[in-house]
Amino acid sequence: MIFEIKKAKNGTILKVNSGIEDNEIEEIVYQEKYDDEIECFADFLRYLEEHYGPPADRHSAKRIYINIRPGDKFEDYGVPHSK
């Protein structure tokens, strides 16, 4: 499967080539829902994972999580800092 991702003015254009047939290319326009660029990109990644990612549920040994966390300058996650 081949993914081609292009940034558009108000979202993302995704072209998916399944590789099964040469002419089987799916094109999806994913429109941003709000102003926060980070949140919008995370939503797009969740869409990719949901529609094209490997099947998984809460009983799976491994799962994919897409989370947004503050940068390391804003919150300490217990990682030792060099002084």
PDB file of N, CA and C in Angstrom:
ATOM      1  N   MET A   1       0.848  -1.160   0.000  1.00  0.00           N
ATOM      2  CA  MET A   1       0.000   0.000   0.000  1.00  0.00           C
ATOM      3  C   MET A   1       0.902   1.234   0.000  1.00  0.00           C
ATOM      4  N   ILE A   2       0.584   2.192  -0.837  1.00  0.00           N
ATOM      5  CA  ILE A   2       1.363   3.418  -0.942  1.00  0.00           C
ATOM      6  C   ILE A   2       0.462   4.598  -0.590  1.00  0.00           C
ATOM      7  N   PHE A   3       0.947   5.440   0.323  1.00  0.00           N
ATOM      8  CA  PHE A   3       0.218   6.632   0.735  1.00  0.00           C
ATOM      9  C   PHE A   3       0.942   7.862   0.212  1.00  0.00           C
ATOM     10  N   GLU A   4       0.185   8.799  -0.315  1.00  0.00           N
ATOM     11  CA  GLU A   4       0.720  10.097  -0.710  1.00  0.00           C
ATOM     12  C   GLU A   4      -0.089  11.147   0.023  1.00  0.00           C
ATOM     13  N   ILE A   5       0.581  11.956   0.818  1.00  0.00           N
ATOM     14  CA  ILE A   5      -0.090  12.950   1.648  1.00  0.00           C
ATOM     15  C   ILE A   5       0.369  14.335   1.199  1.00  0.00           C
ATOM     16  N   LYS A   6      -0.588  15.203   0.909  1.00  0.00           N
ATOM     17  CA  LYS A   6      -0.290  16.580   0.520  1.00  0.00           C
ATOM     18  C   LYS A   6      -1.084  17.524   1.400  1.00  0.00           C
ATOM     19  N   LYS A   7      -0.448  18.595   1.820  1.00  0.00           N
ATOM     20  CA  LYS A   7      -1.108  19.614   2.618  1.00  0.00           C
ATOM     21  C   LYS A   7      -1.930  20.506   1.699  1.00  0.00           C
ATOM     22  N   ALA A   8      -3.150  20.768   2.084  1.00  0.00           N
ATOM     23  CA  ALA A   8      -4.021  21.681   1.356  1.00  0.00           C
ATOM     24  C   ALA A   8      -4.257  22.918   2.224  1.00  0.00           C
ATOM     25  N   LYS A   9      -4.916  23.905   1.672  1.00  0.00           N
ATOM     26  CA  LYS A   9      -5.135  25.154   2.405  1.00  0.00           C
ATOM     27  C   LYS A   9      -5.907  24.942   3.705  1.00  0.00           C
ATOM     28  N   ASN A  10      -6.913  24.087   3.676  1.00  0.00           N
ATOM     29  CA  ASN A  10      -7.743  23.874   4.872  1.00  0.00           C
ATOM     30  C   ASN A  10      -7.840  22.399   5.252  1.00  0.00           C
ATOM     31  N   GLY A  11      -6.781  21.649   4.970  1.00  0.00           N
ATOM     32  CA  GLY A  11      -6.805  20.235   5.326  1.00  0.00           C
ATOM     33  C   GLY A  11      -5.682  19.463   4.679  1.00  0.00           C
ATOM     34  N   THR A  12      -5.966  18.224   4.355  1.00  0.00           N
ATOM     35  CA  THR A  12      -4.972  17.306   3.811  1.00  0.00           C
ATOM     36  C   THR A  12      -5.604  16.487   2.699  1.00  0.00           C
ATOM     37  N   ILE A  13      -4.830  16.218   1.666  1.00  0.00           N
ATOM     38  CA  ILE A  13      -5.276  15.347   0.583  1.00  0.00           C
ATOM     39  C   ILE A  13      -4.487  14.058   0.699  1.00  0.00           C
ATOM     40  N   LEU A  14      -5.195  12.957   0.759  1.00  0.00           N
ATOM     41  CA  LEU A  14      -4.584  11.643   0.904  1.00  0.00           C
ATOM     42  C   LEU A  14      -4.905  10.813  -0.324  1.00  0.00           C
ATOM     43  N   LYS A  15      -3.856  10.298  -0.969  1.00  0.00           N
ATOM     44  CA  LYS A  15      -4.036   9.360  -2.073  1.00  0.00           C
ATOM     45  C   LYS A  15      -3.514   8.011  -1.604  1.00  0.00           C
ATOM     46  N   VAL A  16      -4.342   6.989  -1.775  1.00  0.00           N
ATOM     47  CA  VAL A  16      -3.991   5.639  -1.335  1.00  0.00           C
ATOM     48  C   VAL A  16      -4.004   4.718  -2.539  1.00  0.00           C
ATOM     49  N   ASN A  17      -2.871   4.085  -2.773  1.00  0.00           N
ATOM     50  CA  ASN A  17      -2.746   3.090  -3.840  1.00  0.00           C
ATOM     51  C   ASN A  17      -2.583   1.747  -3.154  1.00  0.00           C
ATOM     52  N   SER A  18      -3.581   0.892  -3.294  1.00  0.00           N
ATOM     53  CA  SER A  18      -3.552  -0.402  -2.613  1.00  0.00           C
ATOM     54  C   SER A  18      -2.513  -1.342  -3.200  1.00  0.00           C
ATOM     55  N   GLY A  19      -2.047  -1.061  -4.425  1.00  0.00           N
ATOM     56  CA  GLY A  19      -1.052  -1.903  -5.056  1.00  0.00           C
ATOM     57  C   GLY A  19      -1.624  -3.140  -5.710  1.00  0.00           C
ATOM     58  N   ILE A  20      -2.922  -3.359  -5.557  1.00  0.00           N
ATOM     59  CA  ILE A  20      -3.558  -4.541  -6.139  1.00  0.00           C
ATOM     60  C   ILE A  20      -3.741  -4.344  -7.639  1.00  0.00           C
ATOM     61  N   GLU A  21      -4.298  -3.217  -8.010  1.00  0.00           N
ATOM     62  CA  GLU A  21      -4.485  -2.882  -9.414  1.00  0.00           C
ATOM     63  C   GLU A  21      -3.901  -1.499  -9.656  1.00  0.00           C
ATOM     64  N   ASP A  22      -3.346  -1.273 -10.846  1.00  0.00           N
ATOM     65  CA  ASP A  22      -2.707   0.007 -11.148  1.00  0.00           C
ATOM     66  C   ASP A  22      -3.660   1.182 -11.072  1.00  0.00           C
ATOM     67  N   ASN A  23      -4.893   0.977 -11.466  1.00  0.00           N
ATOM     68  CA  ASN A  23      -5.835   2.094 -11.510  1.00  0.00           C
ATOM     69  C   ASN A  23      -6.687   2.218 -10.245  1.00  0.00           C
ATOM     70  N   GLU A  24      -6.381   1.475  -9.222  1.00  0.00           N
ATOM     71  CA  GLU A  24      -7.174   1.526  -7.993  1.00  0.00           C
ATOM     72  C   GLU A  24      -6.542   2.505  -7.003  1.00  0.00           C
ATOM     73  N   ILE A  25      -6.749   3.789  -7.245  1.00  0.00           N
ATOM     74  CA  ILE A  25      -6.227   4.832  -6.372  1.00  0.00           C
ATOM     75  C   ILE A  25      -7.402   5.548  -5.737  1.00  0.00           C
ATOM     76  N   GLU A  26      -7.400   5.576  -4.434  1.00  0.00           N
ATOM     77  CA  GLU A  26      -8.453   6.238  -3.672  1.00  0.00           C
ATOM     78  C   GLU A  26      -7.932   7.616  -3.252  1.00  0.00           C
ATOM     79  N   GLU A  27      -8.725   8.645  -3.433  1.00  0.00           N
ATOM     80  CA  GLU A  27      -8.327   9.995  -3.042  1.00  0.00           C
ATOM     81  C   GLU A  27      -9.314  10.520  -2.013  1.00  0.00           C
ATOM     82  N   ILE A  28      -8.780  10.957  -0.883  1.00  0.00           N
ATOM     83  CA  ILE A  28      -9.604  11.443   0.215  1.00  0.00           C
ATOM     84  C   ILE A  28      -9.167  12.861   0.553  1.00  0.00           C
ATOM     85  N   VAL A  29     -10.123  13.753   0.713  1.00  0.00           N
ATOM     86  CA  VAL A  29      -9.841  15.110   1.174  1.00  0.00           C
ATOM     87  C   VAL A  29     -10.270  15.163   2.630  1.00  0.00           C
ATOM     88  N   TYR A  30      -9.299  15.372   3.518  1.00  0.00           N
ATOM     89  CA  TYR A  30      -9.569  15.418   4.949  1.00  0.00           C
ATOM     90  C   TYR A  30      -9.528  16.882   5.384  1.00  0.00           C
ATOM     91  N   GLN A  31     -10.685  17.451   5.688  1.00  0.00           N
ATOM     92  CA  GLN A  31     -10.782  18.861   6.036  1.00  0.00           C
ATOM     93  C   GLN A  31     -10.521  19.063   7.526  1.00  0.00           C
ATOM     94  N   GLU A  32      -9.712  20.078   7.832  1.00  0.00           N
ATOM     95  CA  GLU A  32      -9.428  20.410   9.230  1.00  0.00           C
ATOM     96  C   GLU A  32     -10.695  20.917   9.900  1.00  0.00           C
ATOM     97  N   LYS A  33     -10.911  20.476  11.146  1.00  0.00           N
ATOM     98  CA  LYS A  33     -12.150  20.799  11.846  1.00  0.00           C
ATOM     99  C   LYS A  33     -12.025  22.003  12.767  1.00  0.00           C
ATOM    100  N   TYR A  34     -10.794  22.353  13.159  1.00  0.00           N
ATOM    101  CA  TYR A  34     -10.594  23.494  14.049  1.00  0.00           C
ATOM    102  C   TYR A  34      -9.257  24.146  13.754  1.00  0.00           C
ATOM    103  N   ASP A  35      -8.952  25.223  14.477  1.00  0.00           N
ATOM    104  CA  ASP A  35      -7.783  26.039  14.181  1.00  0.00           C
ATOM    105  C   ASP A  35      -6.464  25.447  14.678  1.00  0.00           C
ATOM    106  N   ASP A  36      -6.500  24.580  15.662  1.00  0.00           N
ATOM    107  CA  ASP A  36      -5.273  24.037  16.244  1.00  0.00           C
ATOM    108  C   ASP A  36      -4.632  23.018  15.292  1.00  0.00           C
ATOM    109  N   GLU A  37      -3.489  23.382  14.733  1.00  0.00           N
ATOM    110  CA  GLU A  37      -2.809  22.537  13.753  1.00  0.00           C
ATOM    111  C   GLU A  37      -2.409  21.180  14.331  1.00  0.00           C
ATOM    112  N   ILE A  38      -1.970  21.151  15.577  1.00  0.00           N
ATOM    113  CA  ILE A  38      -1.555  19.903  16.227  1.00  0.00           C
ATOM    114  C   ILE A  38      -2.754  18.959  16.378  1.00  0.00           C
ATOM    115  N   GLU A  39      -3.859  19.481  16.885  1.00  0.00           N
ATOM    116  CA  GLU A  39      -5.074  18.672  17.052  1.00  0.00           C
ATOM    117  C   GLU A  39      -5.564  18.133  15.705  1.00  0.00           C
ATOM    118  N   CYS A  40      -5.530  18.973  14.678  1.00  0.00           N
ATOM    119  CA  CYS A  40      -5.996  18.555  13.348  1.00  0.00           C
ATOM    120  C   CYS A  40      -5.126  17.440  12.789  1.00  0.00           C
ATOM    121  N   PHE A  41      -3.811  17.557  12.941  1.00  0.00           N
ATOM    122  CA  PHE A  41      -2.923  16.520  12.419  1.00  0.00           C
ATOM    123  C   PHE A  41      -3.099  15.219  13.197  1.00  0.00           C
ATOM    124  N   ALA A  42      -3.295  15.299  14.499  1.00  0.00           N
ATOM    125  CA  ALA A  42      -3.545  14.106  15.305  1.00  0.00           C
ATOM    126  C   ALA A  42      -4.841  13.428  14.854  1.00  0.00           C
ATOM    127  N   ASP A  43      -5.872  14.220  14.572  1.00  0.00           N
ATOM    128  CA  ASP A  43      -7.122  13.647  14.055  1.00  0.00           C
ATOM    129  C   ASP A  43      -6.903  12.944  12.724  1.00  0.00           C
ATOM    130  N   PHE A  44      -6.091  13.551  11.854  1.00  0.00           N
ATOM    131  CA  PHE A  44      -5.787  12.930  10.567  1.00  0.00           C
ATOM    132  C   PHE A  44      -5.055  11.599  10.772  1.00  0.00           C
ATOM    133  N   LEU A  45      -4.100  11.553  11.699  1.00  0.00           N
ATOM    134  CA  LEU A  45      -3.387  10.300  11.977  1.00  0.00           C
ATOM    135  C   LEU A  45      -4.329   9.243  12.544  1.00  0.00           C
ATOM    136  N   ARG A  46      -5.266   9.661  13.386  1.00  0.00           N
ATOM    137  CA  ARG A  46      -6.256   8.716  13.918  1.00  0.00           C
ATOM    138  C   ARG A  46      -7.125   8.163  12.795  1.00  0.00           C
ATOM    139  N   TYR A  47      -7.490   9.022  11.841  1.00  0.00           N
ATOM    140  CA  TYR A  47      -8.257   8.577  10.674  1.00  0.00           C
ATOM    141  C   TYR A  47      -7.464   7.525   9.893  1.00  0.00           C
ATOM    142  N   LEU A  48      -6.188   7.789   9.642  1.00  0.00           N
ATOM    143  CA  LEU A  48      -5.332   6.825   8.936  1.00  0.00           C
ATOM    144  C   LEU A  48      -5.276   5.496   9.670  1.00  0.00           C
ATOM    145  N   GLU A  49      -5.065   5.569  10.967  1.00  0.00           N
ATOM    146  CA  GLU A  49      -4.955   4.349  11.766  1.00  0.00           C
ATOM    147  C   GLU A  49      -6.263   3.565  11.757  1.00  0.00           C
ATOM    148  N   GLU A  50      -7.362   4.274  11.876  1.00  0.00           N
ATOM    149  CA  GLU A  50      -8.675   3.621  11.925  1.00  0.00           C
ATOM    150  C   GLU A  50      -9.029   2.945  10.601  1.00  0.00           C
ATOM    151  N   HIS A  51      -8.762   3.622   9.482  1.00  0.00           N
ATOM    152  CA  HIS A  51      -9.174   3.106   8.177  1.00  0.00           C
ATOM    153  C   HIS A  51      -8.140   2.218   7.494  1.00  0.00           C
ATOM    154  N   TYR A  52      -6.856   2.430   7.775  1.00  0.00           N
ATOM    155  CA  TYR A  52      -5.818   1.701   7.050  1.00  0.00           C
ATOM    156  C   TYR A  52      -4.835   0.973   7.953  1.00  0.00           C
ATOM    157  N   GLY A  53      -4.932   1.170   9.250  1.00  0.00           N
ATOM    158  CA  GLY A  53      -4.012   0.530  10.177  1.00  0.00           C
ATOM    159  C   GLY A  53      -4.370  -0.924  10.419  1.00  0.00           C
ATOM    160  N   PRO A  54      -3.485  -1.623  11.118  1.00  0.00           N
ATOM    161  CA  PRO A  54      -3.762  -3.025  11.420  1.00  0.00           C
ATOM    162  C   PRO A  54      -4.927  -3.154  12.392  1.00  0.00           C
ATOM    163  N   PRO A  55      -5.724  -4.197  12.260  1.00  0.00           N
ATOM    164  CA  PRO A  55      -6.849  -4.364  13.178  1.00  0.00           C
ATOM    165  C   PRO A  55      -6.354  -4.645  14.595  1.00  0.00           C
ATOM    166  N   ALA A  56      -6.948  -3.967  15.551  1.00  0.00           N
ATOM    167  CA  ALA A  56      -6.588  -4.160  16.960  1.00  0.00           C
ATOM    168  C   ALA A  56      -7.784  -3.771  17.817  1.00  0.00           C
ATOM    169  N   ASP A  57      -7.881  -4.390  18.978  1.00  0.00           N
ATOM    170  CA  ASP A  57      -8.900  -3.998  19.945  1.00  0.00           C
ATOM    171  C   ASP A  57      -8.265  -4.005  21.330  1.00  0.00           C
ATOM    172  N   ARG A  58      -9.056  -3.820  22.347  1.00  0.00           N
ATOM    173  CA  ARG A  58      -8.492  -3.691  23.690  1.00  0.00           C
ATOM    174  C   ARG A  58      -7.855  -4.979  24.203  1.00  0.00           C
ATOM    175  N   HIS A  59      -8.107  -6.102  23.530  1.00  0.00           N
ATOM    176  CA  HIS A  59      -7.508  -7.368  23.929  1.00  0.00           C
ATOM    177  C   HIS A  59      -6.235  -7.676  23.147  1.00  0.00           C
ATOM    178  N   SER A  60      -5.870  -6.811  22.211  1.00  0.00           N
ATOM    179  CA  SER A  60      -4.670  -7.027  21.402  1.00  0.00           C
ATOM    180  C   SER A  60      -3.412  -6.844  22.250  1.00  0.00           C
ATOM    181  N   ALA A  61      -2.378  -7.615  21.917  1.00  0.00           N
ATOM    182  CA  ALA A  61      -1.111  -7.501  22.639  1.00  0.00           C
ATOM    183  C   ALA A  61      -0.455  -6.144  22.395  1.00  0.00           C
ATOM    184  N   LYS A  62      -0.649  -5.576  21.213  1.00  0.00           N
ATOM    185  CA  LYS A  62      -0.103  -4.264  20.873  1.00  0.00           C
ATOM    186  C   LYS A  62      -1.188  -3.421  20.224  1.00  0.00           C
ATOM    187  N   ARG A  63      -1.159  -2.134  20.542  1.00  0.00           N
ATOM    188  CA  ARG A  63      -2.095  -1.189  19.934  1.00  0.00           C
ATOM    189  C   ARG A  63      -1.366   0.093  19.598  1.00  0.00           C
ATOM    190  N   ILE A  64      -1.922   0.875  18.702  1.00  0.00           N
ATOM    191  CA  ILE A  64      -1.355   2.162  18.328  1.00  0.00           C
ATOM    192  C   ILE A  64      -2.163   3.259  19.010  1.00  0.00           C
ATOM    193  N   TYR A  65      -1.455   4.147  19.708  1.00  0.00           N
ATOM    194  CA  TYR A  65      -2.093   5.285  20.362  1.00  0.00           C
ATOM    195  C   TYR A  65      -1.535   6.567  19.760  1.00  0.00           C
ATOM    196  N   ILE A  66      -2.396   7.512  19.490  1.00  0.00           N
ATOM    197  CA  ILE A  66      -1.977   8.821  19.008  1.00  0.00           C
ATOM    198  C   ILE A  66      -2.424   9.820  20.064  1.00  0.00           C
ATOM    199  N   ASN A  67      -1.460  10.333  20.817  1.00  0.00           N
ATOM    200  CA  ASN A  67      -1.740  11.234  21.926  1.00  0.00           C
ATOM    201  C   ASN A  67      -1.052  12.568  21.703  1.00  0.00           C
ATOM    202  N   ILE A  68      -1.610  13.600  22.267  1.00  0.00           N
ATOM    203  CA  ILE A  68      -0.989  14.918  22.263  1.00  0.00           C
ATOM    204  C   ILE A  68      -0.566  15.216  23.691  1.00  0.00           C
ATOM    205  N   ARG A  69       0.716  15.536  23.839  1.00  0.00           N
ATOM    206  CA  ARG A  69       1.245  15.852  25.162  1.00  0.00           C
ATOM    207  C   ARG A  69       1.950  17.194  25.106  1.00  0.00           C
ATOM    208  N   PRO A  70       2.042  17.864  26.236  1.00  0.00           N
ATOM    209  CA  PRO A  70       2.775  19.129  26.262  1.00  0.00           C
ATOM    210  C   PRO A  70       4.254  18.879  25.962  1.00  0.00           C
ATOM    211  N   GLY A  71       4.921  19.896  25.429  1.00  0.00           N
ATOM    212  CA  GLY A  71       6.351  19.790  25.164  1.00  0.00           C
ATOM    213  C   GLY A  71       7.136  19.662  26.453  1.00  0.00           C
ATOM    214  N   ASP A  72       8.382  19.234  26.346  1.00  0.00           N
ATOM    215  CA  ASP A  72       9.193  18.974  27.543  1.00  0.00           C
ATOM    216  C   ASP A  72       9.501  20.247  28.339  1.00  0.00           C
ATOM    217  N   LYS A  73       9.297  21.404  27.771  1.00  0.00           N
ATOM    218  CA  LYS A  73       9.522  22.653  28.515  1.00  0.00           C
ATOM    219  C   LYS A  73       8.315  23.032  29.364  1.00  0.00           C
ATOM    220  N   PHE A  74       7.187  22.332  29.180  1.00  0.00           N
ATOM    221  CA  PHE A  74       5.957  22.718  29.859  1.00  0.00           C
ATOM    222  C   PHE A  74       5.524  21.765  30.957  1.00  0.00           C
ATOM    223  N   GLU A  75       6.000  20.535  30.936  1.00  0.00           N
ATOM    224  CA  GLU A  75       5.588  19.584  31.967  1.00  0.00           C
ATOM    225  C   GLU A  75       6.683  18.552  32.153  1.00  0.00           C
ATOM    226  N   ASP A  76       6.949  18.170  33.371  1.00  0.00           N
ATOM    227  CA  ASP A  76       7.978  17.180  33.678  1.00  0.00           C
ATOM    228  C   ASP A  76       7.352  15.793  33.681  1.00  0.00           C
ATOM    229  N   TYR A  77       7.867  14.903  32.863  1.00  0.00           N
ATOM    230  CA  TYR A  77       7.350  13.539  32.793  1.00  0.00           C
ATOM    231  C   TYR A  77       8.226  12.556  33.555  1.00  0.00           C
ATOM    232  N   GLY A  78       9.006  13.052  34.515  1.00  0.00           N
ATOM    233  CA  GLY A  78       9.844  12.167  35.300  1.00  0.00           C
ATOM    234  C   GLY A  78      11.143  11.797  34.624  1.00  0.00           C
ATOM    235  N   VAL A  79      11.466  12.467  33.537  1.00  0.00           N
ATOM    236  CA  VAL A  79      12.718  12.207  32.847  1.00  0.00           C
ATOM    237  C   VAL A  79      13.799  13.059  33.481  1.00  0.00           C
ATOM    238  N   PRO A  80      14.910  12.451  33.899  1.00  0.00           N
ATOM    239  CA  PRO A  80      15.981  13.252  34.525  1.00  0.00           C
ATOM    240  C   PRO A  80      16.552  14.256  33.536  1.00  0.00           C
ATOM    241  N   HIS A  81      16.770  15.464  34.008  1.00  0.00           N
ATOM    242  CA  HIS A  81      17.337  16.528  33.193  1.00  0.00           C
ATOM    243  C   HIS A  81      18.818  16.682  33.540  1.00  0.00           C
ATOM    244  N   SER A  82      19.633  16.889  32.525  1.00  0.00           N
ATOM    245  CA  SER A  82      21.069  17.133  32.798  1.00  0.00           C
ATOM    246  C   SER A  82      21.249  18.569  33.258  1.00  0.00           C
ATOM    247  N   LYS A  83      22.147  18.768  34.182  1.00  0.00           N
ATOM    248  CA  LYS A  83      22.391  20.126  34.730  1.00  0.00           C
ATOM    249  C   LYS A  83      23.775  20.583  34.367  1.00  0.00           C
TER     250      LYS A  83
END
